[in-house]
């Protein structure tokens, strides 16, 4: 599965189900949490290096601590 495929699936899942943790997304999609975390990290960054006007695609609602 490519980065773009995972990104599309993560964004669709967030759109359908609302706020979720990276772990919840990982379990729901059956994808490694490291891949999900990378996607979420990249989607919440502005593309300032590219001087793009594209806004952030996801926003952090809150942080959770897993034990």
N, C-alpha and C. Protein backbone atom coordinates (compact mmCIF):
# COMPACT_ATOMS: atom_id res chain seq x y z
N UNK A 1 0.84 -1.17 0.00
CA UNK A 1 0.00 0.00 0.00
C UNK A 1 0.89 1.24 0.00
N UNK A 2 0.57 2.19 -0.84
CA UNK A 2 1.40 3.39 -0.96
C UNK A 2 0.94 4.48 0.01
N UNK A 3 1.79 5.48 0.16
CA UNK A 3 1.49 6.60 1.05
C UNK A 3 0.17 7.27 0.66
N UNK A 4 -0.04 7.48 -0.62
CA UNK A 4 -1.26 8.13 -1.10
C UNK A 4 -2.51 7.33 -0.77
N UNK A 5 -2.42 6.01 -0.88
CA UNK A 5 -3.56 5.15 -0.55
C UNK A 5 -3.91 5.25 0.93
N UNK A 6 -2.90 5.20 1.77
CA UNK A 6 -3.13 5.30 3.22
C UNK A 6 -3.70 6.68 3.55
N UNK A 7 -3.17 7.71 2.94
CA UNK A 7 -3.65 9.07 3.19
C UNK A 7 -5.12 9.19 2.84
N UNK A 8 -5.50 8.71 1.68
CA UNK A 8 -6.90 8.77 1.26
C UNK A 8 -7.80 8.02 2.23
N UNK A 9 -7.36 6.85 2.67
CA UNK A 9 -8.16 6.05 3.60
C UNK A 9 -8.27 6.72 4.96
N UNK A 10 -7.18 7.32 5.45
CA UNK A 10 -7.20 8.01 6.75
C UNK A 10 -8.13 9.21 6.68
N UNK A 11 -8.01 10.02 5.65
CA UNK A 11 -8.86 11.21 5.52
C UNK A 11 -10.34 10.83 5.40
N UNK A 12 -10.63 9.79 4.66
CA UNK A 12 -12.02 9.34 4.52
C UNK A 12 -12.56 8.84 5.85
N UNK A 13 -11.74 8.10 6.59
CA UNK A 13 -12.15 7.58 7.89
C UNK A 13 -12.44 8.72 8.87
N UNK A 14 -11.58 9.72 8.89
CA UNK A 14 -11.79 10.88 9.76
C UNK A 14 -13.05 11.64 9.36
N UNK A 15 -13.29 11.72 8.07
CA UNK A 15 -14.49 12.40 7.58
C UNK A 15 -15.75 11.64 8.02
N UNK A 16 -15.69 10.32 7.92
CA UNK A 16 -16.86 9.49 8.24
C UNK A 16 -17.11 9.36 9.74
N UNK A 17 -16.05 9.18 10.53
CA UNK A 17 -16.21 8.86 11.95
C UNK A 17 -15.86 9.99 12.90
N UNK A 18 -15.24 11.04 12.40
CA UNK A 18 -14.88 12.17 13.27
C UNK A 18 -13.54 11.96 13.94
N UNK A 19 -13.28 12.73 15.02
CA UNK A 19 -11.97 12.69 15.68
C UNK A 19 -11.60 11.29 16.17
N UNK A 20 -10.36 10.90 15.89
CA UNK A 20 -9.84 9.59 16.30
C UNK A 20 -8.37 9.73 16.63
N UNK A 21 -7.85 8.82 17.45
CA UNK A 21 -6.42 8.77 17.71
C UNK A 21 -5.74 7.99 16.60
N UNK A 22 -4.43 8.13 16.51
CA UNK A 22 -3.68 7.37 15.50
C UNK A 22 -3.83 5.88 15.74
N UNK A 23 -3.89 5.47 17.00
CA UNK A 23 -4.07 4.04 17.31
C UNK A 23 -5.42 3.55 16.84
N UNK A 24 -6.46 4.33 17.05
CA UNK A 24 -7.80 3.94 16.60
C UNK A 24 -7.86 3.84 15.08
N UNK A 25 -7.22 4.78 14.40
CA UNK A 25 -7.17 4.75 12.94
C UNK A 25 -6.43 3.50 12.48
N UNK A 26 -5.31 3.22 13.13
CA UNK A 26 -4.49 2.07 12.78
C UNK A 26 -5.28 0.77 12.90
N UNK A 27 -5.99 0.63 13.99
CA UNK A 27 -6.78 -0.60 14.21
C UNK A 27 -7.91 -0.69 13.19
N UNK A 28 -8.59 0.42 12.97
CA UNK A 28 -9.73 0.44 12.05
C UNK A 28 -9.32 0.09 10.62
N UNK A 29 -8.16 0.59 10.18
CA UNK A 29 -7.70 0.35 8.81
C UNK A 29 -6.84 -0.90 8.67
N UNK A 30 -6.37 -1.43 9.79
CA UNK A 30 -5.48 -2.59 9.72
C UNK A 30 -4.12 -2.24 9.16
N UNK A 31 -3.65 -1.04 9.48
CA UNK A 31 -2.37 -0.53 8.99
C UNK A 31 -1.46 -0.28 10.18
N UNK A 32 -0.16 -0.43 9.99
CA UNK A 32 0.82 -0.19 11.05
C UNK A 32 0.69 1.24 11.57
N UNK A 33 0.76 1.39 12.89
CA UNK A 33 0.60 2.71 13.51
C UNK A 33 1.67 3.70 13.07
N UNK A 34 2.86 3.22 12.75
CA UNK A 34 3.92 4.13 12.28
C UNK A 34 3.53 4.79 10.96
N UNK A 35 2.89 4.04 10.07
CA UNK A 35 2.43 4.60 8.80
C UNK A 35 1.32 5.62 9.03
N UNK A 36 0.40 5.29 9.93
CA UNK A 36 -0.70 6.20 10.23
C UNK A 36 -0.17 7.48 10.86
N UNK A 37 0.75 7.36 11.80
CA UNK A 37 1.32 8.54 12.45
C UNK A 37 2.02 9.45 11.45
N UNK A 38 2.72 8.86 10.50
CA UNK A 38 3.40 9.64 9.47
C UNK A 38 2.38 10.40 8.61
N UNK A 39 1.31 9.74 8.24
CA UNK A 39 0.27 10.37 7.43
C UNK A 39 -0.36 11.54 8.19
N UNK A 40 -0.73 11.31 9.44
CA UNK A 40 -1.36 12.35 10.24
C UNK A 40 -0.40 13.53 10.43
N UNK A 41 0.87 13.25 10.70
CA UNK A 41 1.87 14.31 10.85
C UNK A 41 1.96 15.16 9.59
N UNK A 42 2.05 14.52 8.45
CA UNK A 42 2.19 15.26 7.19
C UNK A 42 0.93 16.02 6.83
N UNK A 43 -0.23 15.47 7.15
CA UNK A 43 -1.49 16.13 6.81
C UNK A 43 -1.76 17.34 7.68
N UNK A 44 -1.16 17.41 8.86
CA UNK A 44 -1.42 18.56 9.72
C UNK A 44 -0.37 19.65 9.58
N UNK A 45 0.59 19.49 8.70
CA UNK A 45 1.60 20.51 8.46
C UNK A 45 1.17 21.43 7.32
N UNK A 46 1.53 22.69 7.43
CA UNK A 46 1.39 23.59 6.29
C UNK A 46 2.53 23.31 5.34
N UNK A 47 2.31 23.52 4.09
CA UNK A 47 3.36 23.32 3.10
C UNK A 47 4.14 24.60 2.89
N UNK A 48 4.68 25.16 3.97
CA UNK A 48 5.36 26.45 3.88
C UNK A 48 6.65 26.37 3.06
N UNK A 49 7.27 25.20 3.02
CA UNK A 49 8.51 25.07 2.24
C UNK A 49 8.23 25.24 0.75
N UNK A 50 7.07 24.82 0.34
CA UNK A 50 6.71 24.91 -1.08
C UNK A 50 5.98 26.21 -1.39
N UNK A 51 5.79 27.04 -0.36
CA UNK A 51 5.07 28.30 -0.51
C UNK A 51 3.67 28.06 -1.07
N UNK A 52 3.08 26.95 -0.67
CA UNK A 52 1.76 26.57 -1.15
C UNK A 52 0.67 27.26 -0.34
N UNK A 53 -0.44 27.53 -0.95
CA UNK A 53 -1.59 28.10 -0.27
C UNK A 53 -2.51 27.00 0.26
N UNK A 54 -2.11 25.75 0.07
CA UNK A 54 -2.93 24.63 0.52
C UNK A 54 -2.99 24.60 2.05
N UNK A 55 -4.19 24.60 2.61
CA UNK A 55 -4.31 24.58 4.08
C UNK A 55 -3.99 23.21 4.66
N UNK A 56 -3.91 23.16 5.96
CA UNK A 56 -3.75 21.88 6.65
C UNK A 56 -4.95 21.01 6.31
N UNK A 57 -4.71 19.71 6.20
CA UNK A 57 -5.81 18.81 5.87
C UNK A 57 -6.45 18.18 7.10
N UNK A 58 -5.73 18.16 8.21
CA UNK A 58 -6.29 17.69 9.47
C UNK A 58 -5.81 18.61 10.59
N UNK A 59 -6.57 18.68 11.65
CA UNK A 59 -6.22 19.46 12.82
C UNK A 59 -6.24 18.56 14.04
N UNK A 60 -5.35 18.80 14.97
CA UNK A 60 -5.31 18.03 16.21
C UNK A 60 -6.42 18.54 17.11
N UNK A 61 -7.30 17.63 17.50
CA UNK A 61 -8.43 17.98 18.37
C UNK A 61 -7.98 17.96 19.82
N UNK A 62 -7.26 16.92 20.20
CA UNK A 62 -6.69 16.81 21.55
C UNK A 62 -5.63 15.72 21.51
N UNK A 63 -4.84 15.66 22.54
CA UNK A 63 -3.80 14.65 22.64
C UNK A 63 -4.19 13.65 23.70
N UNK A 64 -3.81 12.39 23.49
CA UNK A 64 -4.06 11.34 24.47
C UNK A 64 -2.75 10.67 24.82
N UNK A 65 -2.70 10.09 25.97
CA UNK A 65 -1.51 9.36 26.39
C UNK A 65 -1.88 7.88 26.47
N UNK A 66 -1.10 7.03 25.82
CA UNK A 66 -1.32 5.60 25.89
C UNK A 66 -0.30 5.00 26.86
N UNK A 67 -0.72 4.01 27.58
CA UNK A 67 0.15 3.38 28.57
C UNK A 67 0.46 1.97 28.15
